[in-house]
């Protein structure tokens, strides 16, 4: 993995996509002390961000960088906090990188951004936070974006501003109706519609 990252940073490999996929796959492996320490290293993260900027015109590489950073900021940092009480992650550079692609035309990139962005602490201060959360539901494929949308809404259920409650409830009801999820409707209804 180190060689793949160095090749992406310092040379022009024939197939950068396969190298970044190797790194992205590693971020999804079971976390533990050695791998988490390696992946949470600020130098590693900055190099990964630099790869994203270097290959900015290659949407497939950018998508894999975004998924990698999302996994690191979610799973790996969580693992490090479990291992070391004093662990503090600096996520500002990751957040800034995500912001560069928040309105990208590629839906796969937009979904990768949304998945990572909403889990970062800086997202709490995002200027159009609730408009952005509502926009997540429209990113194709709908099954993935609605899963993320529901997760974000459920995690922030007590903090939804009044002006967003009706549109969110309407979107969730329409989704339940469209998907006709029998058995889950009552449970979901109780979870979301008692805002």
N, C-alpha and C. Protein backbone atom coordinates (compact mmCIF):
# COMPACT_ATOMS: atom_id res chain seq x y z
N UNK A 1 0.82 -1.18 0.00
CA UNK A 1 0.00 0.00 0.00
C UNK A 1 0.87 1.25 0.00
N UNK A 2 1.96 1.25 0.75
CA UNK A 2 2.86 2.39 0.78
C UNK A 2 3.46 2.63 -0.58
N UNK A 3 3.86 1.55 -1.26
CA UNK A 3 4.43 1.67 -2.61
C UNK A 3 3.39 2.24 -3.57
N UNK A 4 2.15 1.77 -3.47
CA UNK A 4 1.10 2.28 -4.35
C UNK A 4 0.93 3.79 -4.16
N UNK A 5 0.92 4.25 -2.91
CA UNK A 5 0.75 5.67 -2.64
C UNK A 5 1.95 6.46 -3.14
N UNK A 6 3.15 5.95 -2.91
CA UNK A 6 4.36 6.64 -3.38
C UNK A 6 4.37 6.73 -4.90
N UNK A 7 3.99 5.65 -5.58
CA UNK A 7 3.93 5.68 -7.05
C UNK A 7 2.92 6.71 -7.53
N UNK A 8 1.79 6.79 -6.86
CA UNK A 8 0.78 7.77 -7.25
C UNK A 8 1.24 9.20 -7.01
N UNK A 9 2.04 9.40 -5.98
CA UNK A 9 2.52 10.74 -5.63
C UNK A 9 3.72 11.18 -6.48
N UNK A 10 4.62 10.26 -6.75
CA UNK A 10 5.93 10.66 -7.28
C UNK A 10 6.20 10.27 -8.73
N UNK A 11 5.35 9.51 -9.35
CA UNK A 11 5.59 9.13 -10.73
C UNK A 11 4.26 9.16 -11.48
N UNK A 12 4.30 8.69 -12.70
CA UNK A 12 3.08 8.62 -13.50
C UNK A 12 2.84 7.16 -13.84
N UNK A 13 2.16 6.44 -12.95
CA UNK A 13 1.95 5.02 -13.19
C UNK A 13 1.01 4.79 -14.38
N UNK A 14 1.17 3.62 -15.00
CA UNK A 14 0.32 3.28 -16.15
C UNK A 14 -1.15 3.19 -15.77
N UNK A 15 -1.41 2.63 -14.59
CA UNK A 15 -2.80 2.44 -14.19
C UNK A 15 -3.02 2.98 -12.77
N UNK A 16 -3.20 4.29 -12.65
CA UNK A 16 -3.38 4.86 -11.30
C UNK A 16 -4.65 4.33 -10.61
N UNK A 17 -5.65 3.98 -11.39
CA UNK A 17 -6.89 3.49 -10.79
C UNK A 17 -6.67 2.21 -10.00
N UNK A 18 -5.90 1.28 -10.54
CA UNK A 18 -5.68 0.02 -9.80
C UNK A 18 -4.90 0.27 -8.51
N UNK A 19 -3.98 1.25 -8.55
CA UNK A 19 -3.22 1.56 -7.33
C UNK A 19 -4.12 2.18 -6.26
N UNK A 20 -4.96 3.12 -6.66
CA UNK A 20 -5.82 3.77 -5.66
C UNK A 20 -6.88 2.78 -5.16
N UNK A 21 -7.30 1.84 -5.98
CA UNK A 21 -8.24 0.82 -5.52
C UNK A 21 -7.61 -0.06 -4.45
N UNK A 22 -6.31 -0.31 -4.57
CA UNK A 22 -5.59 -1.08 -3.55
C UNK A 22 -5.66 -0.36 -2.21
N UNK A 23 -5.46 0.94 -2.24
CA UNK A 23 -5.51 1.75 -1.02
C UNK A 23 -6.94 1.78 -0.47
N UNK A 24 -7.92 2.02 -1.35
CA UNK A 24 -9.32 2.09 -0.90
C UNK A 24 -9.74 0.78 -0.26
N UNK A 25 -9.32 -0.33 -0.85
CA UNK A 25 -9.67 -1.64 -0.29
C UNK A 25 -9.07 -1.80 1.12
N UNK A 26 -7.84 -1.33 1.30
CA UNK A 26 -7.18 -1.42 2.61
C UNK A 26 -7.94 -0.63 3.67
N UNK A 27 -8.57 0.47 3.28
CA UNK A 27 -9.31 1.28 4.25
C UNK A 27 -10.57 0.58 4.73
N UNK A 28 -11.02 -0.42 3.97
CA UNK A 28 -12.22 -1.15 4.36
C UNK A 28 -11.91 -2.43 5.12
N UNK A 29 -10.63 -2.77 5.27
CA UNK A 29 -10.26 -3.97 6.02
C UNK A 29 -10.57 -3.80 7.50
N UNK A 30 -10.54 -4.90 8.19
CA UNK A 30 -10.77 -4.83 9.64
C UNK A 30 -9.75 -3.91 10.28
N UNK A 31 -10.23 -3.03 11.13
CA UNK A 31 -9.32 -2.08 11.77
C UNK A 31 -8.72 -2.71 13.02
N UNK A 32 -7.59 -2.23 13.36
CA UNK A 32 -6.87 -2.66 14.55
C UNK A 32 -5.68 -1.73 14.71
N UNK A 33 -4.89 -1.96 15.71
CA UNK A 33 -3.82 -1.04 16.04
C UNK A 33 -2.86 -0.75 14.88
N UNK A 34 -2.18 -1.74 14.26
CA UNK A 34 -1.18 -1.39 13.25
C UNK A 34 -1.78 -0.70 12.01
N UNK A 35 -2.82 -1.24 11.46
CA UNK A 35 -3.40 -0.67 10.24
C UNK A 35 -4.05 0.68 10.52
N UNK A 36 -4.71 0.80 11.65
CA UNK A 36 -5.34 2.08 11.99
C UNK A 36 -4.30 3.17 12.21
N UNK A 37 -3.21 2.82 12.88
CA UNK A 37 -2.15 3.80 13.10
C UNK A 37 -1.56 4.26 11.78
N UNK A 38 -1.38 3.31 10.86
CA UNK A 38 -0.82 3.64 9.55
C UNK A 38 -1.78 4.54 8.77
N UNK A 39 -3.05 4.16 8.69
CA UNK A 39 -4.03 4.91 7.89
C UNK A 39 -4.39 6.26 8.50
N UNK A 40 -4.24 6.41 9.81
CA UNK A 40 -4.59 7.68 10.46
C UNK A 40 -3.42 8.65 10.52
N UNK A 41 -2.27 8.25 10.01
CA UNK A 41 -1.10 9.11 10.01
C UNK A 41 -1.38 10.35 9.14
N UNK A 42 -1.21 11.55 9.69
CA UNK A 42 -1.50 12.77 8.92
C UNK A 42 -0.73 12.88 7.61
N UNK A 43 0.51 12.36 7.58
CA UNK A 43 1.29 12.40 6.33
C UNK A 43 0.65 11.51 5.27
N UNK A 44 0.19 10.33 5.67
CA UNK A 44 -0.49 9.42 4.74
C UNK A 44 -1.75 10.09 4.19
N UNK A 45 -2.53 10.69 5.08
CA UNK A 45 -3.78 11.34 4.67
C UNK A 45 -3.50 12.49 3.71
N UNK A 46 -2.48 13.29 4.01
CA UNK A 46 -2.17 14.42 3.13
C UNK A 46 -1.70 13.92 1.76
N UNK A 47 -0.93 12.86 1.74
CA UNK A 47 -0.49 12.30 0.45
C UNK A 47 -1.69 11.80 -0.34
N UNK A 48 -2.63 11.19 0.34
CA UNK A 48 -3.84 10.70 -0.32
C UNK A 48 -4.64 11.88 -0.91
N UNK A 49 -4.76 12.94 -0.16
CA UNK A 49 -5.43 14.14 -0.65
C UNK A 49 -4.69 14.71 -1.87
N UNK A 50 -3.36 14.74 -1.79
CA UNK A 50 -2.56 15.23 -2.91
C UNK A 50 -2.78 14.39 -4.16
N UNK A 51 -2.93 13.09 -4.00
CA UNK A 51 -3.24 12.21 -5.13
C UNK A 51 -4.57 12.62 -5.75
N UNK A 52 -5.55 12.92 -4.90
CA UNK A 52 -6.84 13.36 -5.40
C UNK A 52 -6.73 14.62 -6.24
N UNK A 53 -5.92 15.57 -5.79
CA UNK A 53 -5.72 16.80 -6.56
C UNK A 53 -4.92 16.52 -7.83
N UNK A 54 -3.92 15.67 -7.72
CA UNK A 54 -3.07 15.38 -8.88
C UNK A 54 -3.87 14.73 -10.01
N UNK A 55 -4.79 13.86 -9.65
CA UNK A 55 -5.59 13.14 -10.65
C UNK A 55 -7.01 13.68 -10.73
N UNK A 56 -7.16 14.96 -10.45
CA UNK A 56 -8.48 15.58 -10.39
C UNK A 56 -9.29 15.38 -11.67
N UNK A 57 -8.64 15.26 -12.80
CA UNK A 57 -9.37 15.08 -14.06
C UNK A 57 -9.79 13.63 -14.30
N UNK A 58 -9.29 12.71 -13.49
CA UNK A 58 -9.67 11.29 -13.60
C UNK A 58 -10.73 11.00 -12.54
N UNK A 59 -11.98 11.04 -12.95
CA UNK A 59 -13.09 10.93 -12.00
C UNK A 59 -13.08 9.61 -11.23
N UNK A 60 -12.63 8.54 -11.84
CA UNK A 60 -12.61 7.24 -11.14
C UNK A 60 -11.57 7.25 -10.03
N UNK A 61 -10.44 7.88 -10.25
CA UNK A 61 -9.41 7.97 -9.21
C UNK A 61 -9.92 8.87 -8.07
N UNK A 62 -10.50 10.01 -8.43
CA UNK A 62 -11.03 10.93 -7.42
C UNK A 62 -12.08 10.22 -6.56
N UNK A 63 -12.96 9.48 -7.21
CA UNK A 63 -14.00 8.75 -6.46
C UNK A 63 -13.38 7.81 -5.44
N UNK A 64 -12.35 7.07 -5.84
CA UNK A 64 -11.70 6.13 -4.91
C UNK A 64 -10.98 6.86 -3.78
N UNK A 65 -10.38 8.00 -4.08
CA UNK A 65 -9.74 8.81 -3.03
C UNK A 65 -10.79 9.26 -2.02
N UNK A 66 -11.93 9.73 -2.53
CA UNK A 66 -13.01 10.18 -1.63
C UNK A 66 -13.53 9.04 -0.76
N UNK A 67 -13.75 7.87 -1.36
CA UNK A 67 -14.21 6.73 -0.55
C UNK A 67 -13.16 6.36 0.49
N UNK A 68 -11.89 6.40 0.11
CA UNK A 68 -10.80 6.08 1.06
C UNK A 68 -10.79 7.04 2.23
N UNK A 69 -10.87 8.34 1.94
CA UNK A 69 -10.87 9.34 3.00
C UNK A 69 -12.11 9.22 3.88
N UNK A 70 -13.23 8.87 3.27
CA UNK A 70 -14.46 8.66 4.05
C UNK A 70 -14.31 7.50 5.02
N UNK A 71 -13.72 6.41 4.55
CA UNK A 71 -13.50 5.25 5.43
C UNK A 71 -12.53 5.61 6.56
N UNK A 72 -11.47 6.33 6.21
CA UNK A 72 -10.49 6.72 7.22
C UNK A 72 -11.14 7.61 8.28
N UNK A 73 -11.88 8.61 7.83
CA UNK A 73 -12.46 9.56 8.80
C UNK A 73 -13.58 8.94 9.62
N UNK A 74 -14.14 7.86 9.15
CA UNK A 74 -15.23 7.19 9.88
C UNK A 74 -14.68 6.01 10.68
N UNK A 75 -14.35 4.96 10.01
CA UNK A 75 -13.97 3.70 10.68
C UNK A 75 -12.60 3.76 11.36
N UNK A 76 -11.61 4.28 10.65
CA UNK A 76 -10.25 4.26 11.18
C UNK A 76 -10.11 5.19 12.39
N UNK A 77 -10.64 6.40 12.27
CA UNK A 77 -10.55 7.33 13.40
C UNK A 77 -11.35 6.79 14.59
N UNK A 78 -12.49 6.15 14.34
CA UNK A 78 -13.26 5.55 15.42
C UNK A 78 -12.42 4.48 16.12
N UNK A 79 -11.75 3.64 15.33
CA UNK A 79 -10.91 2.59 15.89
C UNK A 79 -9.79 3.19 16.74
N UNK A 80 -9.17 4.25 16.25
CA UNK A 80 -8.09 4.89 17.00
C UNK A 80 -8.60 5.47 18.31
N UNK A 81 -9.80 6.03 18.32
CA UNK A 81 -10.36 6.57 19.57
C UNK A 81 -10.65 5.44 20.56
N UNK A 82 -10.96 4.25 20.05
CA UNK A 82 -11.18 3.11 20.94
C UNK A 82 -9.86 2.62 21.53
N UNK A 83 -8.81 2.70 20.73
CA UNK A 83 -7.49 2.24 21.18
C UNK A 83 -6.79 3.24 22.09
N UNK A 84 -6.96 4.52 21.79
CA UNK A 84 -6.24 5.56 22.51
C UNK A 84 -7.21 6.67 22.90
N UNK A 85 -7.47 6.81 24.18
CA UNK A 85 -8.42 7.81 24.66
C UNK A 85 -8.06 9.22 24.21
N UNK A 86 -6.76 9.50 24.14
CA UNK A 86 -6.33 10.86 23.82
C UNK A 86 -6.23 11.12 22.32
N UNK A 87 -6.62 10.17 21.49
CA UNK A 87 -6.49 10.35 20.03
C UNK A 87 -7.40 11.47 19.54
N UNK A 88 -6.81 12.41 18.84
CA UNK A 88 -7.55 13.51 18.22
C UNK A 88 -7.19 13.54 16.74
N UNK A 89 -8.17 13.44 15.91
CA UNK A 89 -7.93 13.47 14.47
C UNK A 89 -8.12 14.88 13.93
N UNK A 90 -7.20 15.29 13.09
CA UNK A 90 -7.35 16.57 12.40
C UNK A 90 -8.03 16.29 11.06
N UNK A 91 -9.30 16.60 10.97
CA UNK A 91 -10.07 16.28 9.77
C UNK A 91 -10.30 17.48 8.87
N UNK A 92 -9.69 18.62 9.18
CA UNK A 92 -9.94 19.83 8.39
C UNK A 92 -9.53 19.66 6.92
N UNK A 93 -8.36 19.06 6.67
CA UNK A 93 -7.92 18.87 5.28
C UNK A 93 -8.84 17.92 4.52
N UNK A 94 -9.32 16.91 5.21
CA UNK A 94 -10.26 15.97 4.57
C UNK A 94 -11.55 16.73 4.25
N UNK A 95 -12.03 17.50 5.19
CA UNK A 95 -13.25 18.28 4.99
C UNK A 95 -13.10 19.24 3.81
N UNK A 96 -11.98 19.94 3.75
CA UNK A 96 -11.74 20.88 2.65
C UNK A 96 -11.69 20.15 1.31
N UNK A 97 -11.10 18.97 1.30
CA UNK A 97 -11.04 18.20 0.06
C UNK A 97 -12.44 17.79 -0.38
N UNK A 98 -13.25 17.31 0.55
CA UNK A 98 -14.64 16.95 0.22
C UNK A 98 -15.39 18.16 -0.36
N UNK A 99 -15.20 19.32 0.22
CA UNK A 99 -15.90 20.52 -0.24
C UNK A 99 -15.58 20.86 -1.69
N UNK A 100 -14.38 20.51 -2.14
CA UNK A 100 -14.00 20.77 -3.53
C UNK A 100 -14.89 20.03 -4.52
N UNK A 101 -15.51 18.94 -4.07
CA UNK A 101 -16.27 18.07 -4.98
C UNK A 101 -17.75 17.99 -4.62
N UNK A 102 -18.21 18.83 -3.72
CA UNK A 102 -19.58 18.74 -3.20
C UNK A 102 -20.63 18.92 -4.29
N UNK A 103 -20.33 19.71 -5.31
CA UNK A 103 -21.29 19.94 -6.39
C UNK A 103 -20.84 19.34 -7.71
N UNK A 104 -20.06 18.31 -7.64
CA UNK A 104 -19.52 17.69 -8.85
C UNK A 104 -20.65 17.13 -9.71
N UNK A 105 -20.43 17.09 -11.01
CA UNK A 105 -21.46 16.58 -11.93
C UNK A 105 -21.58 15.06 -11.89
N UNK A 106 -20.54 14.38 -11.47
CA UNK A 106 -20.53 12.91 -11.42
C UNK A 106 -21.25 12.45 -10.15
N UNK A 107 -22.32 11.68 -10.32
CA UNK A 107 -23.12 11.23 -9.18
C UNK A 107 -22.35 10.30 -8.24
N UNK A 108 -21.45 9.50 -8.77
CA UNK A 108 -20.66 8.61 -7.90
C UNK A 108 -19.77 9.43 -6.98
N UNK A 109 -19.20 10.49 -7.52
CA UNK A 109 -18.37 11.38 -6.71
C UNK A 109 -19.23 12.10 -5.68
N UNK A 110 -20.39 12.59 -6.09
CA UNK A 110 -21.28 13.29 -5.16
C UNK A 110 -21.72 12.37 -4.02
N UNK A 111 -21.98 11.09 -4.31
CA UNK A 111 -22.38 10.15 -3.26
C UNK A 111 -21.21 9.87 -2.31
N UNK A 112 -20.01 9.72 -2.86
CA UNK A 112 -18.82 9.52 -2.02
C UNK A 112 -18.59 10.72 -1.11
N UNK A 113 -18.77 11.92 -1.66
CA UNK A 113 -18.61 13.15 -0.87
C UNK A 113 -19.64 13.18 0.25
N UNK A 114 -20.90 12.96 -0.10
CA UNK A 114 -21.97 13.02 0.90
C UNK A 114 -21.74 12.02 2.01
N UNK A 115 -21.33 10.82 1.65
CA UNK A 115 -21.12 9.77 2.64
C UNK A 115 -20.03 10.14 3.63
N UNK A 116 -18.97 10.77 3.16
CA UNK A 116 -17.88 11.17 4.05
C UNK A 116 -18.13 12.48 4.76
N UNK A 117 -18.66 13.44 4.04
CA UNK A 117 -18.83 14.79 4.56
C UNK A 117 -19.72 14.83 5.80
N UNK A 118 -20.84 14.12 5.77
CA UNK A 118 -21.80 14.19 6.88
C UNK A 118 -21.27 13.56 8.16
N UNK A 119 -20.18 12.83 8.08
CA UNK A 119 -19.63 12.18 9.27
C UNK A 119 -18.49 12.98 9.91
N UNK A 120 -18.11 14.07 9.27
CA UNK A 120 -17.03 14.90 9.81
C UNK A 120 -17.59 15.94 10.78
N UNK A 121 -16.85 16.25 11.84
CA UNK A 121 -17.36 17.22 12.83
C UNK A 121 -17.59 18.61 12.24
N UNK A 122 -16.84 18.99 11.22
CA UNK A 122 -17.01 20.30 10.60
C UNK A 122 -18.36 20.45 9.92
N UNK A 123 -18.99 19.33 9.57
CA UNK A 123 -20.28 19.39 8.89
C UNK A 123 -21.34 20.05 9.77
N UNK A 124 -21.18 19.99 11.07
CA UNK A 124 -22.14 20.63 11.98
C UNK A 124 -22.25 22.12 11.71
N UNK A 125 -21.18 22.72 11.22
CA UNK A 125 -21.14 24.16 10.97
C UNK A 125 -21.32 24.49 9.48
N UNK A 126 -21.60 23.50 8.66
CA UNK A 126 -21.77 23.73 7.22
C UNK A 126 -22.91 24.71 6.99
N UNK A 127 -22.67 25.74 6.18
CA UNK A 127 -23.62 26.85 6.07
C UNK A 127 -25.01 26.44 5.58
N UNK A 128 -25.10 25.52 4.67
CA UNK A 128 -26.40 25.08 4.16
C UNK A 128 -26.65 23.62 4.53
N UNK A 129 -26.36 23.30 5.74
CA UNK A 129 -26.39 21.91 6.19
C UNK A 129 -27.70 21.20 5.84
N UNK A 130 -28.83 21.76 6.16
CA UNK A 130 -30.09 21.04 5.96
C UNK A 130 -30.52 21.01 4.49
N UNK A 131 -30.21 22.05 3.75
CA UNK A 131 -30.45 21.99 2.31
C UNK A 131 -29.60 20.89 1.68
N UNK A 132 -28.36 20.79 2.15
CA UNK A 132 -27.48 19.75 1.63
C UNK A 132 -28.01 18.36 1.99
N UNK A 133 -28.42 18.18 3.23
CA UNK A 133 -28.96 16.89 3.65
C UNK A 133 -30.15 16.50 2.78
N UNK A 134 -31.03 17.44 2.51
CA UNK A 134 -32.17 17.15 1.65
C UNK A 134 -31.71 16.79 0.24
N UNK A 135 -30.68 17.45 -0.24
CA UNK A 135 -30.18 17.17 -1.60
C UNK A 135 -29.58 15.78 -1.72
N UNK A 136 -29.12 15.21 -0.62
CA UNK A 136 -28.52 13.87 -0.65
C UNK A 136 -29.51 12.86 -1.23
N UNK A 137 -30.77 13.00 -0.88
CA UNK A 137 -31.78 12.03 -1.29
C UNK A 137 -31.96 11.96 -2.81
N UNK A 138 -31.49 12.96 -3.53
CA UNK A 138 -31.68 12.96 -4.98
C UNK A 138 -30.48 12.46 -5.76
N UNK A 139 -29.43 12.02 -5.08
CA UNK A 139 -28.24 11.53 -5.77
C UNK A 139 -28.49 10.09 -6.21
N UNK A 140 -28.40 9.80 -7.52
CA UNK A 140 -28.53 8.40 -7.95
C UNK A 140 -27.31 7.60 -7.51
N UNK A 141 -27.41 6.34 -7.23
CA UNK A 141 -28.64 5.55 -7.19
C UNK A 141 -29.43 5.84 -5.92
N UNK A 142 -30.72 5.94 -6.09
CA UNK A 142 -31.61 6.37 -5.01
C UNK A 142 -31.56 5.45 -3.79
N UNK A 143 -31.39 4.16 -4.02
CA UNK A 143 -31.38 3.24 -2.87
C UNK A 143 -30.22 3.58 -1.92
N UNK A 144 -29.06 3.94 -2.47
CA UNK A 144 -27.91 4.28 -1.62
C UNK A 144 -28.07 5.66 -1.00
N UNK A 145 -28.52 6.62 -1.80
CA UNK A 145 -28.64 7.97 -1.26
C UNK A 145 -29.75 8.06 -0.22
N UNK A 146 -30.83 7.33 -0.42
CA UNK A 146 -31.90 7.35 0.58
C UNK A 146 -31.47 6.65 1.88
N UNK A 147 -30.65 5.63 1.77
CA UNK A 147 -30.13 4.98 2.98
C UNK A 147 -29.31 5.99 3.78
N UNK A 148 -28.45 6.73 3.07
CA UNK A 148 -27.63 7.75 3.74
C UNK A 148 -28.51 8.87 4.28
N UNK A 149 -29.44 9.34 3.49
CA UNK A 149 -30.36 10.40 3.90
C UNK A 149 -31.10 10.00 5.18
N UNK A 150 -31.65 8.79 5.21
CA UNK A 150 -32.38 8.33 6.39
C UNK A 150 -31.45 8.24 7.60
N UNK A 151 -30.24 7.78 7.40
CA UNK A 151 -29.26 7.65 8.49
C UNK A 151 -28.95 9.04 9.07
N UNK A 152 -28.72 10.03 8.19
CA UNK A 152 -28.40 11.38 8.65
C UNK A 152 -29.59 11.99 9.38
N UNK A 153 -30.79 11.83 8.82
CA UNK A 153 -31.99 12.39 9.46
C UNK A 153 -32.19 11.74 10.82
N UNK A 154 -32.08 10.42 10.88
CA UNK A 154 -32.29 9.73 12.16
C UNK A 154 -31.27 10.19 13.21
N UNK A 155 -30.02 10.39 12.79
CA UNK A 155 -28.98 10.83 13.71
C UNK A 155 -29.14 12.26 14.19
N UNK A 156 -29.93 13.04 13.45
CA UNK A 156 -30.13 14.45 13.79
C UNK A 156 -31.58 14.78 14.06
N UNK A 157 -32.37 13.77 14.35
CA UNK A 157 -33.83 13.90 14.45
C UNK A 157 -34.26 15.02 15.40
N UNK A 158 -33.55 15.21 16.48
CA UNK A 158 -33.95 16.22 17.47
C UNK A 158 -33.45 17.61 17.09
N UNK A 159 -32.62 17.70 16.06
CA UNK A 159 -32.02 18.98 15.68
C UNK A 159 -32.55 19.53 14.36
N UNK A 160 -33.56 18.89 13.80
CA UNK A 160 -34.08 19.35 12.51
C UNK A 160 -34.81 20.68 12.71
N UNK A 161 -34.38 21.72 11.98
CA UNK A 161 -35.09 23.01 12.09
C UNK A 161 -36.53 22.87 11.60
N UNK A 162 -37.42 23.62 12.19
CA UNK A 162 -38.85 23.51 11.88
C UNK A 162 -39.14 23.61 10.39
N UNK A 163 -38.46 24.51 9.69
CA UNK A 163 -38.76 24.71 8.27
C UNK A 163 -38.36 23.52 7.39
N UNK A 164 -37.60 22.58 7.95
CA UNK A 164 -37.19 21.40 7.17
C UNK A 164 -37.97 20.14 7.56
N UNK A 165 -38.73 20.20 8.63
CA UNK A 165 -39.44 19.00 9.09
C UNK A 165 -40.46 18.52 8.06
N UNK A 166 -41.27 19.41 7.54
CA UNK A 166 -42.28 18.99 6.58
C UNK A 166 -41.65 18.41 5.31
N UNK A 167 -40.69 19.11 4.67
CA UNK A 167 -40.09 18.54 3.46
C UNK A 167 -39.43 17.17 3.70
N UNK A 168 -38.79 17.02 4.84
CA UNK A 168 -38.14 15.74 5.15
C UNK A 168 -39.18 14.66 5.34
N UNK A 169 -40.21 14.94 6.11
CA UNK A 169 -41.28 13.95 6.32
C UNK A 169 -41.93 13.58 5.00
N UNK A 170 -42.17 14.56 4.16
CA UNK A 170 -42.79 14.31 2.86
C UNK A 170 -41.90 13.40 2.01
N UNK A 171 -40.61 13.68 1.99
CA UNK A 171 -39.67 12.85 1.21
C UNK A 171 -39.65 11.42 1.73
N UNK A 172 -39.63 11.27 3.04
CA UNK A 172 -39.59 9.92 3.62
C UNK A 172 -40.89 9.16 3.34
N UNK A 173 -42.02 9.84 3.46
CA UNK A 173 -43.30 9.19 3.17
C UNK A 173 -43.38 8.77 1.70
N UNK A 174 -42.95 9.64 0.80
CA UNK A 174 -42.94 9.30 -0.62
C UNK A 174 -42.03 8.11 -0.91
N UNK A 175 -40.89 8.10 -0.25
CA UNK A 175 -39.96 6.98 -0.44
C UNK A 175 -40.58 5.68 0.05
N UNK A 176 -41.21 5.73 1.21
CA UNK A 176 -41.88 4.53 1.73
C UNK A 176 -42.98 4.07 0.78
N UNK A 177 -43.72 5.00 0.25
CA UNK A 177 -44.78 4.66 -0.68
C UNK A 177 -44.21 4.06 -1.97
N UNK A 178 -43.16 4.68 -2.52
CA UNK A 178 -42.53 4.20 -3.75
C UNK A 178 -41.94 2.81 -3.58
N UNK A 179 -41.31 2.58 -2.46
CA UNK A 179 -40.64 1.29 -2.27
C UNK A 179 -41.58 0.24 -1.72
N UNK A 180 -42.71 0.68 -1.17
CA UNK A 180 -43.71 -0.25 -0.64
C UNK A 180 -43.06 -1.29 0.27
N UNK A 181 -42.32 -0.82 1.22
CA UNK A 181 -41.60 -1.68 2.14
C UNK A 181 -42.55 -2.16 3.23
N UNK A 182 -43.18 -3.27 2.97
CA UNK A 182 -44.13 -3.81 3.95
C UNK A 182 -43.40 -4.24 5.21
N UNK A 183 -44.04 -4.04 6.32
CA UNK A 183 -43.46 -4.45 7.59
C UNK A 183 -42.54 -3.41 8.19
N UNK A 184 -41.81 -2.71 7.32
CA UNK A 184 -40.89 -1.70 7.82
C UNK A 184 -41.56 -0.33 7.93
N UNK A 185 -42.68 -0.16 7.27
CA UNK A 185 -43.32 1.14 7.24
C UNK A 185 -43.72 1.63 8.63
N UNK A 186 -44.30 0.78 9.41
CA UNK A 186 -44.74 1.19 10.74
C UNK A 186 -43.55 1.59 11.61
N UNK A 187 -42.50 0.75 11.59
CA UNK A 187 -41.32 1.04 12.39
C UNK A 187 -40.65 2.33 11.92
N UNK A 188 -40.50 2.49 10.61
CA UNK A 188 -39.90 3.70 10.08
C UNK A 188 -40.76 4.91 10.38
N UNK A 189 -42.06 4.73 10.29
CA UNK A 189 -42.97 5.84 10.55
C UNK A 189 -42.78 6.34 11.97
N UNK A 190 -42.71 5.43 12.93
CA UNK A 190 -42.52 5.81 14.33
C UNK A 190 -41.15 6.51 14.51
N UNK A 191 -40.12 6.01 13.82
CA UNK A 191 -38.77 6.56 13.98
C UNK A 191 -38.65 7.97 13.47
N UNK A 192 -39.25 8.23 12.31
CA UNK A 192 -39.01 9.50 11.64
C UNK A 192 -40.09 10.55 11.81
N UNK A 193 -41.30 10.13 11.95
CA UNK A 193 -42.39 11.09 11.85
C UNK A 193 -42.86 11.64 13.20
N UNK A 194 -42.14 11.32 14.23
CA UNK A 194 -42.43 11.92 15.54
C UNK A 194 -41.41 13.00 15.84
N UNK A 195 -41.21 13.88 14.86
CA UNK A 195 -40.23 14.95 15.01
C UNK A 195 -40.82 16.15 15.70
